[in-house]
PDB file of N, CA and C in Angstrom:
ATOM      1  N   MET A   1      75.168-132.310 -50.252  1.00  0.00           N
ATOM      2  CA  MET A   1      76.121-132.013 -49.213  1.00  0.00           C
ATOM      3  C   MET A   1      77.052-133.204 -49.091  1.00  0.00           C
ATOM      4  N   ALA A   2      78.294-132.920 -48.896  1.00  0.00           N
ATOM      5  CA  ALA A   2      79.274-133.982 -48.755  1.00  0.00           C
ATOM      6  C   ALA A   2      79.994-133.827 -47.429  1.00  0.00           C
ATOM      7  N   LEU A   3      80.316-134.920 -46.839  1.00  0.00           N
ATOM      8  CA  LEU A   3      81.085-134.929 -45.605  1.00  0.00           C
ATOM      9  C   LEU A   3      82.557-135.045 -45.974  1.00  0.00           C
ATOM     10  N   VAL A   4      83.316-133.993 -45.705  1.00  0.00           N
ATOM     11  CA  VAL A   4      84.747-133.995 -45.955  1.00  0.00           C
ATOM     12  C   VAL A   4      85.428-134.301 -44.637  1.00  0.00           C
ATOM     13  N   LEU A   5      86.113-135.402 -44.585  1.00  0.00           N
ATOM     14  CA  LEU A   5      86.719-135.855 -43.345  1.00  0.00           C
ATOM     15  C   LEU A   5      87.942-135.022 -42.979  1.00  0.00           C
ATOM     16  N   PRO A   6      88.098-134.735 -41.677  1.00  0.00           N
ATOM     17  CA  PRO A   6      89.324-134.082 -41.223  1.00  0.00           C
ATOM     18  C   PRO A   6      90.452-135.103 -41.175  1.00  0.00           C
ATOM     19  N   ASP A   7      91.605-134.689 -40.719  1.00  0.00           N
ATOM     20  CA  ASP A   7      92.720-135.613 -40.552  1.00  0.00           C
ATOM     21  C   ASP A   7      92.376-136.535 -39.386  1.00  0.00           C
ATOM     22  N   LEU A   8      92.014-137.760 -39.682  1.00  0.00           N
ATOM     23  CA  LEU A   8      91.536-138.685 -38.663  1.00  0.00           C
ATOM     24  C   LEU A   8      92.649-139.162 -37.728  1.00  0.00           C
ATOM     25  N   ASP A   9      93.902-139.016 -38.150  1.00  0.00           N
ATOM     26  CA  ASP A   9      95.015-139.412 -37.297  1.00  0.00           C
ATOM     27  C   ASP A   9      95.143-138.495 -36.083  1.00  0.00           C
ATOM     28  N   CYS A  10      94.601-137.288 -36.181  1.00  0.00           N
ATOM     29  CA  CYS A  10      94.704-136.309 -35.089  1.00  0.00           C
ATOM     30  C   CYS A  10      93.548-136.423 -34.099  1.00  0.00           C
ATOM     31  N   LEU A  11      92.567-137.256 -34.361  1.00  0.00           N
ATOM     32  CA  LEU A  11      91.395-137.362 -33.500  1.00  0.00           C
ATOM     33  C   LEU A  11      91.473-138.585 -32.604  1.00  0.00           C
ATOM     34  N   ASP A  12      90.871-138.464 -31.446  1.00  0.00           N
ATOM     35  CA  ASP A  12      90.783-139.583 -30.511  1.00  0.00           C
ATOM     36  C   ASP A  12      89.393-140.199 -30.669  1.00  0.00           C
ATOM     37  N   LEU A  13      89.272-141.188 -31.536  1.00  0.00           N
ATOM     38  CA  LEU A  13      87.971-141.779 -31.853  1.00  0.00           C
ATOM     39  C   LEU A  13      87.777-143.069 -31.071  1.00  0.00           C
ATOM     40  N   ARG A  14      86.556-143.306 -30.638  1.00  0.00           N
ATOM     41  CA  ARG A  14      86.238-144.513 -29.885  1.00  0.00           C
ATOM     42  C   ARG A  14      85.694-145.579 -30.819  1.00  0.00           C
ATOM     43  N   ASP A  15      85.744-146.830 -30.369  1.00  0.00           N
ATOM     44  CA  ASP A  15      85.203-147.933 -31.155  1.00  0.00           C
ATOM     45  C   ASP A  15      83.683-147.802 -31.248  1.00  0.00           C
ATOM     46  N   VAL A  16      83.126-148.299 -32.323  1.00  0.00           N
ATOM     47  CA  VAL A  16      81.676-148.274 -32.525  1.00  0.00           C
ATOM     48  C   VAL A  16      81.057-149.443 -31.754  1.00  0.00           C
ATOM     49  N   MET A  17      80.074-149.130 -30.927  1.00  0.00           N
ATOM     50  CA  MET A  17      79.422-150.166 -30.120  1.00  0.00           C
ATOM     51  C   MET A  17      78.445-150.977 -30.971  1.00  0.00           C
ATOM     52  N   SER A  18      78.135-152.182 -30.518  1.00  0.00           N
ATOM     53  CA  SER A  18      77.248-153.092 -31.236  1.00  0.00           C
ATOM     54  C   SER A  18      75.876-152.469 -31.485  1.00  0.00           C
ATOM     55  N   LYS A  19      75.301-151.795 -30.477  1.00  0.00           N
ATOM     56  CA  LYS A  19      73.971-151.196 -30.665  1.00  0.00           C
ATOM     57  C   LYS A  19      74.012-150.060 -31.685  1.00  0.00           C
ATOM     58  N   GLU A  20      75.164-149.361 -31.773  1.00  0.00           N
ATOM     59  CA  GLU A  20      75.307-148.312 -32.781  1.00  0.00           C
ATOM     60  C   GLU A  20      75.367-148.920 -34.180  1.00  0.00           C
ATOM     61  N   LYS A  21      76.080-150.037 -34.308  1.00  0.00           N
ATOM     62  CA  LYS A  21      76.156-150.713 -35.604  1.00  0.00           C
ATOM     63  C   LYS A  21      74.762-151.118 -36.069  1.00  0.00           C
ATOM     64  N   LYS A  22      73.971-151.697 -35.178  1.00  0.00           N
ATOM     65  CA  LYS A  22      72.606-152.114 -35.534  1.00  0.00           C
ATOM     66  C   LYS A  22      71.757-150.924 -35.931  1.00  0.00           C
ATOM     67  N   PHE A  23      71.893-149.820 -35.183  1.00  0.00           N
ATOM     68  CA  PHE A  23      71.115-148.620 -35.514  1.00  0.00           C
ATOM     69  C   PHE A  23      71.481-148.094 -36.890  1.00  0.00           C
ATOM     70  N   TRP A  24      72.781-147.986 -37.179  1.00  0.00           N
ATOM     71  CA  TRP A  24      73.196-147.416 -38.462  1.00  0.00           C
ATOM     72  C   TRP A  24      72.818-148.324 -39.620  1.00  0.00           C
ATOM     73  N   LEU A  25      72.858-149.627 -39.448  1.00  0.00           N
ATOM     74  CA  LEU A  25      72.397-150.525 -40.507  1.00  0.00           C
ATOM     75  C   LEU A  25      70.900-150.350 -40.740  1.00  0.00           C
ATOM     76  N   TRP A  26      70.150-150.186 -39.663  1.00  0.00           N
ATOM     77  CA  TRP A  26      68.722-149.931 -39.810  1.00  0.00           C
ATOM     78  C   TRP A  26      68.492-148.578 -40.482  1.00  0.00           C
ATOM     79  N   TRP A  27      69.278-147.573 -40.068  1.00  0.00           N
ATOM     80  CA  TRP A  27      69.113-146.206 -40.563  1.00  0.00           C
ATOM     81  C   TRP A  27      69.367-146.118 -42.064  1.00  0.00           C
ATOM     82  N   ILE A  28      70.321-146.877 -42.583  1.00  0.00           N
ATOM     83  CA  ILE A  28      70.605-146.825 -44.018  1.00  0.00           C
ATOM     84  C   ILE A  28      69.743-147.810 -44.809  1.00  0.00           C
ATOM     85  N   GLY A  29      68.804-148.468 -44.119  1.00  0.00           N
ATOM     86  CA  GLY A  29      67.854-149.321 -44.820  1.00  0.00           C
ATOM     87  C   GLY A  29      68.250-150.769 -44.896  1.00  0.00           C
ATOM     88  N   SER A  30      69.101-151.210 -44.028  1.00  0.00           N
ATOM     89  CA  SER A  30      69.509-152.603 -44.017  1.00  0.00           C
ATOM     90  C   SER A  30      69.133-153.206 -42.674  1.00  0.00           C
ATOM     91  N   CYS A  31      69.318-154.480 -42.553  1.00  0.00           N
ATOM     92  CA  CYS A  31      69.116-155.143 -41.273  1.00  0.00           C
ATOM     93  C   CYS A  31      70.084-156.311 -41.204  1.00  0.00           C
ATOM     94  N   GLU A  32      70.191-156.947 -40.039  1.00  0.00           N
ATOM     95  CA  GLU A  32      71.198-157.986 -39.857  1.00  0.00           C
ATOM     96  C   GLU A  32      70.971-159.203 -40.730  1.00  0.00           C
ATOM     97  N   ARG A  33      69.760-159.423 -41.202  1.00  0.00           N
ATOM     98  CA  ARG A  33      69.495-160.599 -42.026  1.00  0.00           C
ATOM     99  C   ARG A  33      70.050-160.459 -43.432  1.00  0.00           C
ATOM    100  N   ARG A  34      70.367-159.256 -43.826  1.00  0.00           N
ATOM    101  CA  ARG A  34      70.848-159.040 -45.187  1.00  0.00           C
ATOM    102  C   ARG A  34      72.353-159.236 -45.279  1.00  0.00           C
ATOM    103  N   LYS A  35      72.816-159.432 -46.487  1.00  0.00           N
ATOM    104  CA  LYS A  35      74.243-159.664 -46.724  1.00  0.00           C
ATOM    105  C   LYS A  35      75.094-158.434 -46.422  1.00  0.00           C
ATOM    106  N   LEU A  36      74.476-157.253 -46.399  1.00  0.00           N
ATOM    107  CA  LEU A  36      75.236-156.026 -46.185  1.00  0.00           C
ATOM    108  C   LEU A  36      76.000-156.050 -44.871  1.00  0.00           C
ATOM    109  N   VAL A  37      75.478-156.735 -43.877  1.00  0.00           N
ATOM    110  CA  VAL A  37      76.134-156.797 -42.572  1.00  0.00           C
ATOM    111  C   VAL A  37      77.550-157.342 -42.710  1.00  0.00           C
ATOM    112  N   SER A  38      77.723-158.402 -43.458  1.00  0.00           N
ATOM    113  CA  SER A  38      79.058-158.969 -43.622  1.00  0.00           C
ATOM    114  C   SER A  38      79.941-158.058 -44.469  1.00  0.00           C
ATOM    115  N   VAL A  39      79.346-157.339 -45.391  1.00  0.00           N
ATOM    116  CA  VAL A  39      80.119-156.433 -46.241  1.00  0.00           C
ATOM    117  C   VAL A  39      80.671-155.267 -45.426  1.00  0.00           C
ATOM    118  N   VAL A  40      79.861-154.716 -44.521  1.00  0.00           N
ATOM    119  CA  VAL A  40      80.305-153.546 -43.758  1.00  0.00           C
ATOM    120  C   VAL A  40      81.024-153.912 -42.465  1.00  0.00           C
ATOM    121  N   SER A  41      81.136-155.190 -42.145  1.00  0.00           N
ATOM    122  CA  SER A  41      81.758-155.585 -40.879  1.00  0.00           C
ATOM    123  C   SER A  41      83.181-155.044 -40.760  1.00  0.00           C
ATOM    124  N   GLN A  42      83.927-155.023 -41.845  1.00  0.00           N
ATOM    125  CA  GLN A  42      85.291-154.486 -41.808  1.00  0.00           C
ATOM    126  C   GLN A  42      85.297-152.964 -41.708  1.00  0.00           C
ATOM    127  N   PHE A  43      84.238-152.340 -42.207  1.00  0.00           N
ATOM    128  CA  PHE A  43      84.127-150.878 -42.179  1.00  0.00           C
ATOM    129  C   PHE A  43      84.101-150.350 -40.752  1.00  0.00           C
ATOM    130  N   TRP A  44      83.431-151.061 -39.842  1.00  0.00           N
ATOM    131  CA  TRP A  44      83.262-150.574 -38.474  1.00  0.00           C
ATOM    132  C   TRP A  44      84.588-150.382 -37.754  1.00  0.00           C
ATOM    133  N   GLU A  45      85.622-151.076 -38.172  1.00  0.00           N
ATOM    134  CA  GLU A  45      86.918-150.988 -37.498  1.00  0.00           C
ATOM    135  C   GLU A  45      87.749-149.800 -37.983  1.00  0.00           C
ATOM    136  N   THR A  46      87.290-149.107 -39.004  1.00  0.00           N
ATOM    137  CA  THR A  46      88.072-148.014 -39.578  1.00  0.00           C
ATOM    138  C   THR A  46      87.799-146.701 -38.854  1.00  0.00           C
ATOM    139  N   ALA A  47      88.735-145.781 -38.982  1.00  0.00           N
ATOM    140  CA  ALA A  47      88.574-144.447 -38.406  1.00  0.00           C
ATOM    141  C   ALA A  47      87.425-143.699 -39.087  1.00  0.00           C
ATOM    142  N   GLN A  48      87.203-143.966 -40.385  1.00  0.00           N
ATOM    143  CA  GLN A  48      86.111-143.312 -41.100  1.00  0.00           C
ATOM    144  C   GLN A  48      84.763-143.680 -40.483  1.00  0.00           C
ATOM    145  N   ALA A  49      84.584-144.940 -40.156  1.00  0.00           N
ATOM    146  CA  ALA A  49      83.329-145.382 -39.549  1.00  0.00           C
ATOM    147  C   ALA A  49      83.154-144.767 -38.172  1.00  0.00           C
ATOM    148  N   GLN A  50      84.205-144.759 -37.399  1.00  0.00           N
ATOM    149  CA  GLN A  50      84.136-144.186 -36.065  1.00  0.00           C
ATOM    150  C   GLN A  50      83.796-142.701 -36.132  1.00  0.00           C
ATOM    151  N   TYR A  51      84.417-141.996 -37.077  1.00  0.00           N
ATOM    152  CA  TYR A  51      84.123-140.563 -37.240  1.00  0.00           C
ATOM    153  C   TYR A  51      82.682-140.366 -37.710  1.00  0.00           C
ATOM    154  N   PHE A  52      82.240-141.171 -38.673  1.00  0.00           N
ATOM    155  CA  PHE A  52      80.874-141.067 -39.192  1.00  0.00           C
ATOM    156  C   PHE A  52      79.853-141.213 -38.076  1.00  0.00           C
ATOM    157  N   VAL A  53      80.041-142.201 -37.212  1.00  0.00           N
ATOM    158  CA  VAL A  53      79.090-142.439 -36.120  1.00  0.00           C
ATOM    159  C   VAL A  53      79.080-141.256 -35.162  1.00  0.00           C
ATOM    160  N   GLU A  54      80.248-140.759 -34.776  1.00  0.00           N
ATOM    161  CA  GLU A  54      80.299-139.620 -33.862  1.00  0.00           C
ATOM    162  C   GLU A  54      79.689-138.371 -34.496  1.00  0.00           C
ATOM    163  N   PHE A  55      80.020-138.108 -35.757  1.00  0.00           N
ATOM    164  CA  PHE A  55      79.510-136.937 -36.463  1.00  0.00           C
ATOM    165  C   PHE A  55      77.990-136.986 -36.573  1.00  0.00           C
ATOM    166  N   SER A  56      77.458-138.118 -37.000  1.00  0.00           N
ATOM    167  CA  SER A  56      76.009-138.221 -37.182  1.00  0.00           C
ATOM    168  C   SER A  56      75.280-138.233 -35.840  1.00  0.00           C
ATOM    169  N   CYS A  57      75.889-138.782 -34.786  1.00  0.00           N
ATOM    170  CA  CYS A  57      75.273-138.725 -33.449  1.00  0.00           C
ATOM    171  C   CYS A  57      75.150-137.284 -32.977  1.00  0.00           C
ATOM    172  N   GLN A  58      76.159-136.485 -33.253  1.00  0.00           N
ATOM    173  CA  GLN A  58      76.107-135.077 -32.873  1.00  0.00           C
ATOM    174  C   GLN A  58      74.952-134.372 -33.584  1.00  0.00           C
ATOM    175  N   ILE A  59      74.746-134.679 -34.853  1.00  0.00           N
ATOM    176  CA  ILE A  59      73.648-134.061 -35.600  1.00  0.00           C
ATOM    177  C   ILE A  59      72.300-134.538 -35.063  1.00  0.00           C
ATOM    178  N   ILE A  60      72.154-135.849 -34.869  1.00  0.00           N
ATOM    179  CA  ILE A  60      70.892-136.410 -34.382  1.00  0.00           C
ATOM    180  C   ILE A  60      70.550-135.869 -32.995  1.00  0.00           C
ATOM    181  N   ASN A  61      71.551-135.710 -32.141  1.00  0.00           N
ATOM    182  CA  ASN A  61      71.329-135.216 -30.781  1.00  0.00           C
ATOM    183  C   ASN A  61      71.326-133.693 -30.692  1.00  0.00           C
ATOM    184  N   GLU A  62      71.340-133.039 -31.866  1.00  0.00           N
ATOM    185  CA  GLU A  62      71.290-131.581 -31.969  1.00  0.00           C
ATOM    186  C   GLU A  62      72.416-130.912 -31.190  1.00  0.00           C
ATOM    187  N   GLN A  63      73.578-131.545 -31.200  1.00  0.00           N
ATOM    188  CA  GLN A  63      74.754-130.954 -30.588  1.00  0.00           C
ATOM    189  C   GLN A  63      75.454-130.098 -31.630  1.00  0.00           C
ATOM    190  N   GLN A  64      76.299-129.206 -31.175  1.00  0.00           N
ATOM    191  CA  GLN A  64      77.032-128.369 -32.104  1.00  0.00           C
ATOM    192  C   GLN A  64      78.067-129.218 -32.832  1.00  0.00           C
ATOM    193  N   VAL A  65      78.078-129.092 -34.142  1.00  0.00           N
ATOM    194  CA  VAL A  65      79.033-129.815 -34.973  1.00  0.00           C
ATOM    195  C   VAL A  65      80.056-128.806 -35.462  1.00  0.00           C
ATOM    196  N   PHE A  66      81.314-129.088 -35.201  1.00  0.00           N
ATOM    197  CA  PHE A  66      82.365-128.172 -35.630  1.00  0.00           C
ATOM    198  C   PHE A  66      82.816-128.554 -37.029  1.00  0.00           C
ATOM    199  N   CYS A  67      82.589-127.650 -37.956  1.00  0.00           N
ATOM    200  CA  CYS A  67      82.997-127.892 -39.332  1.00  0.00           C
ATOM    201  C   CYS A  67      83.187-126.559 -40.027  1.00  0.00           C
ATOM    202  N   ASP A  68      83.770-126.589 -41.182  1.00  0.00           N
ATOM    203  CA  ASP A  68      84.058-125.372 -41.930  1.00  0.00           C
ATOM    204  C   ASP A  68      83.195-125.346 -43.183  1.00  0.00           C
ATOM    205  N   PHE A  69      82.114-124.561 -43.132  1.00  0.00           N
ATOM    206  CA  PHE A  69      81.232-124.451 -44.291  1.00  0.00           C
ATOM    207  C   PHE A  69      81.757-123.431 -45.293  1.00  0.00           C
ATOM    208  N   TYR A  70      82.806-122.724 -44.961  1.00  0.00           N
ATOM    209  CA  TYR A  70      83.339-121.688 -45.833  1.00  0.00           C
ATOM    210  C   TYR A  70      84.595-122.140 -46.551  1.00  0.00           C
ATOM    211  N   GLN A  71      84.722-123.431 -46.677  1.00  0.00           N
ATOM    212  CA  GLN A  71      85.871-123.991 -47.369  1.00  0.00           C
ATOM    213  C   GLN A  71      85.811-123.595 -48.838  1.00  0.00           C
ATOM    214  N   GLU A  72      86.945-123.173 -49.375  1.00  0.00           N
ATOM    215  CA  GLU A  72      86.968-122.749 -50.770  1.00  0.00           C
ATOM    216  C   GLU A  72      86.643-123.910 -51.699  1.00  0.00           C
ATOM    217  N   LYS A  73      85.885-123.604 -52.733  1.00  0.00           N
ATOM    218  CA  LYS A  73      85.532-124.610 -53.737  1.00  0.00           C
ATOM    219  C   LYS A  73      86.534-124.528 -54.884  1.00  0.00           C
ATOM    220  N   SER A  74      86.754-125.640 -55.511  1.00  0.00           N
ATOM    221  CA  SER A  74      87.685-125.671 -56.631  1.00  0.00           C
ATOM    222  C   SER A  74      87.035-125.008 -57.841  1.00  0.00           C
ATOM    223  N   PRO A  75      87.854-124.541 -58.784  1.00  0.00           N
ATOM    224  CA  PRO A  75      87.294-123.943 -59.999  1.00  0.00           C
ATOM    225  C   PRO A  75      86.375-124.911 -60.746  1.00  0.00           C
ATOM    226  N   SER A  76      86.674-126.205 -60.696  1.00  0.00           N
ATOM    227  CA  SER A  76      85.831-127.176 -61.400  1.00  0.00           C
ATOM    228  C   SER A  76      84.442-127.243 -60.779  1.00  0.00           C
ATOM    229  N   TYR A  77      84.332-126.984 -59.465  1.00  0.00           N
ATOM    230  CA  TYR A  77      83.020-126.964 -58.799  1.00  0.00           C
ATOM    231  C   TYR A  77      82.133-125.906 -59.455  1.00  0.00           C
ATOM    232  N   TYR A  78      82.663-124.712 -59.623  1.00  0.00           N
ATOM    233  CA  TYR A  78      81.883-123.628 -60.217  1.00  0.00           C
ATOM    234  C   TYR A  78      81.576-123.901 -61.686  1.00  0.00           C
ATOM    235  N   GLU A  79      82.515-124.484 -62.399  1.00  0.00           N
ATOM    236  CA  GLU A  79      82.275-124.828 -63.800  1.00  0.00           C
ATOM    237  C   GLU A  79      81.138-125.836 -63.913  1.00  0.00           C
ATOM    238  N   HIS A  80      81.147-126.838 -63.051  1.00  0.00           N
ATOM    239  CA  HIS A  80      80.087-127.844 -63.082  1.00  0.00           C
ATOM    240  C   HIS A  80      78.745-127.227 -62.683  1.00  0.00           C
ATOM    241  N   LEU A  81      78.758-126.366 -61.683  1.00  0.00           N
ATOM    242  CA  LEU A  81      77.524-125.717 -61.231  1.00  0.00           C
ATOM    243  C   LEU A  81      76.928-124.861 -62.346  1.00  0.00           C
ATOM    244  N   GLN A  82      77.758-124.155 -63.063  1.00  0.00           N
ATOM    245  CA  GLN A  82      77.275-123.304 -64.153  1.00  0.00           C
ATOM    246  C   GLN A  82      76.836-124.115 -65.371  1.00  0.00           C
ATOM    247  N   ALA A  83      77.250-125.364 -65.455  1.00  0.00           N
ATOM    248  CA  ALA A  83      76.890-126.205 -66.598  1.00  0.00           C
ATOM    249  C   ALA A  83      75.510-126.828 -66.461  1.00  0.00           C
ATOM    250  N   ILE A  84      74.855-126.680 -65.303  1.00  0.00           N
ATOM    251  CA  ILE A  84      73.552-127.312 -65.079  1.00  0.00           C
ATOM    252  C   ILE A  84      72.458-126.546 -65.821  1.00  0.00           C
ATOM    253  N   ARG A  85      71.634-127.293 -66.531  1.00  0.00           N
ATOM    254  CA  ARG A  85      70.448-126.742 -67.180  1.00  0.00           C
ATOM    255  C   ARG A  85      69.246-127.515 -66.659  1.00  0.00           C
ATOM    256  N   PHE A  86      68.129-126.827 -66.522  1.00  0.00           N
ATOM    257  CA  PHE A  86      66.911-127.431 -65.988  1.00  0.00           C
ATOM    258  C   PHE A  86      65.944-127.710 -67.132  1.00  0.00           C
ATOM    259  N   TYR A  87      65.427-128.919 -67.157  1.00  0.00           N
ATOM    260  CA  TYR A  87      64.465-129.309 -68.182  1.00  0.00           C
ATOM    261  C   TYR A  87      63.283-130.005 -67.520  1.00  0.00           C
ATOM    262  N   GLU A  88      62.106-129.748 -68.053  1.00  0.00           N
ATOM    263  CA  GLU A  88      60.908-130.427 -67.563  1.00  0.00           C
ATOM    264  C   GLU A  88      60.964-131.886 -67.988  1.00  0.00           C
ATOM    265  N   ASN A  89      60.687-132.767 -67.063  1.00  0.00           N
ATOM    266  CA  ASN A  89      60.745-134.198 -67.333  1.00  0.00           C
ATOM    267  C   ASN A  89      59.395-134.684 -67.877  1.00  0.00           C
ATOM    268  N   HIS A  90      59.411-135.265 -69.064  1.00  0.00           N
ATOM    269  CA  HIS A  90      58.200-135.813 -69.669  1.00  0.00           C
ATOM    270  C   HIS A  90      58.230-137.336 -69.735  1.00  0.00           C
ATOM    271  N   ASP A  91      59.289-137.935 -69.224  1.00  0.00           N
ATOM    272  CA  ASP A  91      59.429-139.387 -69.276  1.00  0.00           C
ATOM    273  C   ASP A  91      58.754-140.003 -68.049  1.00  0.00           C
ATOM    274  N   PRO A  92      57.695-140.799 -68.234  1.00  0.00           N
ATOM    275  CA  PRO A  92      56.991-141.381 -67.085  1.00  0.00           C
ATOM    276  C   PRO A  92      57.824-142.433 -66.339  1.00  0.00           C
ATOM    277  N   HIS A  93      58.910-142.893 -66.939  1.00  0.00           N
ATOM    278  CA  HIS A  93      59.758-143.899 -66.305  1.00  0.00           C
ATOM    279  C   HIS A  93      60.845-143.284 -65.427  1.00  0.00           C
ATOM    280  N   VAL A  94      60.941-141.968 -65.431  1.00  0.00           N
ATOM    281  CA  VAL A  94      61.963-141.272 -64.643  1.00  0.00           C
ATOM    282  C   VAL A  94      61.275-140.458 -63.570  1.00  0.00           C
ATOM    283  N   ALA A  95      61.685-140.651 -62.322  1.00  0.00           N
ATOM    284  CA  ALA A  95      61.076-139.927 -61.200  1.00  0.00           C
ATOM    285  C   ALA A  95      61.461-138.450 -61.245  1.00  0.00           C
ATOM    286  N   GLY A  96      60.557-137.610 -60.780  1.00  0.00           N
ATOM    287  CA  GLY A  96      60.849-136.184 -60.679  1.00  0.00           C
ATOM    288  C   GLY A  96      60.261-135.390 -61.821  1.00  0.00           C
ATOM    289  N   ASP A  97      59.930-134.155 -61.522  1.00  0.00           N
ATOM    290  CA  ASP A  97      59.362-133.256 -62.530  1.00  0.00           C
ATOM    291  C   ASP A  97      60.423-132.507 -63.320  1.00  0.00           C
ATOM    292  N   VAL A  98      61.623-132.428 -62.737  1.00  0.00           N
ATOM    293  CA  VAL A  98      62.707-131.663 -63.356  1.00  0.00           C
ATOM    294  C   VAL A  98      63.921-132.552 -63.544  1.00  0.00           C
ATOM    295  N   LEU A  99      64.596-132.366 -64.656  1.00  0.00           N
ATOM    296  CA  LEU A  99      65.884-133.016 -64.888  1.00  0.00           C
ATOM    297  C   LEU A  99      66.968-131.953 -64.802  1.00  0.00           C
ATOM    298  N   TYR A 100      68.008-132.247 -64.078  1.00  0.00           N
ATOM    299  CA  TYR A 100      69.168-131.369 -63.968  1.00  0.00           C
ATOM    300  C   TYR A 100      70.228-131.959 -64.880  1.00  0.00           C
ATOM    301  N   ILE A 101      70.422-131.340 -66.032  1.00  0.00           N
ATOM    302  CA  ILE A 101      71.320-131.880 -67.051  1.00  0.00           C
ATOM    303  C   ILE A 101      72.606-131.070 -67.079  1.00  0.00           C
ATOM    304  N   PHE A 102      73.732-131.768 -67.080  1.00  0.00           N
ATOM    305  CA  PHE A 102      75.033-131.106 -67.137  1.00  0.00           C
ATOM    306  C   PHE A 102      75.428-130.927 -68.594  1.00  0.00           C
ATOM    307  N   MET A 103      75.532-129.683 -68.996  1.00  0.00           N
ATOM    308  CA  MET A 103      75.903-129.337 -70.364  1.00  0.00           C
ATOM    309  C   MET A 103      77.362-128.874 -70.368  1.00  0.00           C
ATOM    310  N   PHE A 104      78.267-129.813 -70.173  1.00  0.00           N
ATOM    311  CA  PHE A 104      79.685-129.486 -70.109  1.00  0.00           C
ATOM    312  C   PHE A 104      80.177-128.988 -71.466  1.00  0.00           C
ATOM    313  N   GLN A 105      81.140-128.059 -71.423  1.00  0.00           N
ATOM    314  CA  GLN A 105      81.708-127.506 -72.657  1.00  0.00           C
ATOM    315  C   GLN A 105      82.499-128.557 -73.424  1.00  0.00           C
ATOM    316  N   VAL A 106      83.291-129.330 -72.695  1.00  0.00           N
ATOM    317  CA  VAL A 106      84.134-130.348 -73.314  1.00  0.00           C
ATOM    318  C   VAL A 106      83.572-131.713 -72.942  1.00  0.00           C
ATOM    319  N   THR A 107      83.294-132.520 -73.949  1.00  0.00           N
ATOM    320  CA  THR A 107      82.776-133.865 -73.694  1.00  0.00           C
ATOM    321  C   THR A 107      83.601-134.886 -74.463  1.00  0.00           C
ATOM    322  N   THR A 108      83.611-136.091 -73.937  1.00  0.00           N
ATOM    323  CA  THR A 108      84.332-137.177 -74.606  1.00  0.00           C
ATOM    324  C   THR A 108      83.385-138.309 -74.986  1.00  0.00           C
ATOM    325  N   VAL A 109      82.099-138.132 -74.676  1.00  0.00           N
ATOM    326  CA  VAL A 109      81.085-139.140 -74.987  1.00  0.00           C
ATOM    327  C   VAL A 109      79.892-138.451 -75.646  1.00  0.00           C
ATOM    328  N   PRO A 110      79.075-139.181 -76.393  1.00  0.00           N
ATOM    329  CA  PRO A 110      77.951-138.561 -77.107  1.00  0.00           C
ATOM    330  C   PRO A 110      76.695-138.374 -76.253  1.00  0.00           C
ATOM    331  N   TRP A 111      76.765-138.554 -74.929  1.00  0.00           N
ATOM    332  CA  TRP A 111      75.602-138.422 -74.067  1.00  0.00           C
ATOM    333  C   TRP A 111      75.852-137.367 -72.998  1.00  0.00           C
ATOM    334  N   ARG A 112      74.774-136.985 -72.313  1.00  0.00           N
ATOM    335  CA  ARG A 112      74.857-135.984 -71.239  1.00  0.00           C
ATOM    336  C   ARG A 112      74.483-136.625 -69.909  1.00  0.00           C
ATOM    337  N   LEU A 113      75.050-136.111 -68.836  1.00  0.00           N
ATOM    338  CA  LEU A 113      74.730-136.565 -67.490  1.00  0.00           C
ATOM    339  C   LEU A 113      73.510-135.795 -66.995  1.00  0.00           C
ATOM    340  N   ALA A 114      72.502-136.530 -66.482  1.00  0.00           N
ATOM    341  CA  ALA A 114      71.306-135.899 -65.921  1.00  0.00           C
ATOM    342  C   ALA A 114      70.965-136.567 -64.600  1.00  0.00           C
ATOM    343  N   VAL A 115      70.501-135.762 -63.650  1.00  0.00           N
ATOM    344  CA  VAL A 115      70.040-136.271 -62.359  1.00  0.00           C
ATOM    345  C   VAL A 115      68.656-135.688 -62.095  1.00  0.00           C
ATOM    346  N   THR A 116      67.950-136.271 -61.132  1.00  0.00           N
ATOM    347  CA  THR A 116      66.558-135.865 -60.912  1.00  0.00           C
ATOM    348  C   THR A 116      66.337-135.023 -59.664  1.00  0.00           C
ATOM    349  N   THR A 117      67.393-134.766 -58.887  1.00  0.00           N
ATOM    350  CA  THR A 117      67.233-133.921 -57.700  1.00  0.00           C
ATOM    351  C   THR A 117      68.357-132.904 -57.643  1.00  0.00           C
ATOM    352  N   ALA A 118      68.070-131.778 -56.998  1.00  0.00           N
ATOM    353  CA  ALA A 118      69.087-130.746 -56.813  1.00  0.00           C
ATOM    354  C   ALA A 118      70.227-131.257 -55.940  1.00  0.00           C
ATOM    355  N   ALA A 119      69.891-132.083 -54.952  1.00  0.00           N
ATOM    356  CA  ALA A 119      70.917-132.651 -54.076  1.00  0.00           C
ATOM    357  C   ALA A 119      71.905-133.488 -54.880  1.00  0.00           C
ATOM    358  N   ASP A 120      71.400-134.286 -55.807  1.00  0.00           N
ATOM    359  CA  ASP A 120      72.284-135.104 -56.645  1.00  0.00           C
ATOM    360  C   ASP A 120      73.137-134.220 -57.552  1.00  0.00           C
ATOM    361  N   ALA A 121      72.551-133.148 -58.051  1.00  0.00           N
ATOM    362  CA  ALA A 121      73.313-132.218 -58.907  1.00  0.00           C
ATOM    363  C   ALA A 121      74.457-131.599 -58.131  1.00  0.00           C
ATOM    364  N   LEU A 122      74.217-131.202 -56.877  1.00  0.00           N
ATOM    365  CA  LEU A 122      75.286-130.635 -56.069  1.00  0.00           C
ATOM    366  C   LEU A 122      76.339-131.671 -55.733  1.00  0.00           C
ATOM    367  N   LEU A 123      75.920-132.901 -55.543  1.00  0.00           N
ATOM    368  CA  LEU A 123      76.867-133.972 -55.274  1.00  0.00           C
ATOM    369  C   LEU A 123      77.799-134.176 -56.464  1.00  0.00           C
ATOM    370  N   VAL A 124      77.266-134.093 -57.673  1.00  0.00           N
ATOM    371  CA  VAL A 124      78.087-134.223 -58.871  1.00  0.00           C
ATOM    372  C   VAL A 124      79.096-133.078 -58.929  1.00  0.00           C
ATOM    373  N   CYS A 125      78.639-131.888 -58.564  1.00  0.00           N
ATOM    374  CA  CYS A 125      79.567-130.730 -58.579  1.00  0.00           C
ATOM    375  C   CYS A 125      80.735-130.935 -57.642  1.00  0.00           C
TER     376      CYS A 125
END
C-alpha cells in the first residue's frame, strides 16, 4: 500500500509537536540517541511530515480517513502485476517461503527482480 499525498497547499496542517516526533521516531524503530534524529530534523518542518503525522494519527485513533481507494491505476501497474511469478524459496539465506519474481517482457539487464513478500511486490507495482 502506498500513501499518495493530496495537494498539500490546499490543506491547513499544524506543526508537529515534540512528543509526536519522539513517538514517530520510536514507531519507525529509531530513538533520539541515534543519528537518524538529526537526519529527519528537517523533515518535520515539511508539509509531508505534517500530513503523515495527521494521517497516521487518524488511523491509530480509528478515526475515519478520507481517501480515494478507487483511484485508477496506470497501465504499467497492471503490466507489472501480471509479470509476477511465484516460486518456492530454497535458499536458506533468503527469508520467506515464496519468492515473487518479476518476469518483465522487456529487460535491459541479465537479472530478474525478486521480493519476498506480497506487500513488497505490490509496492514495486
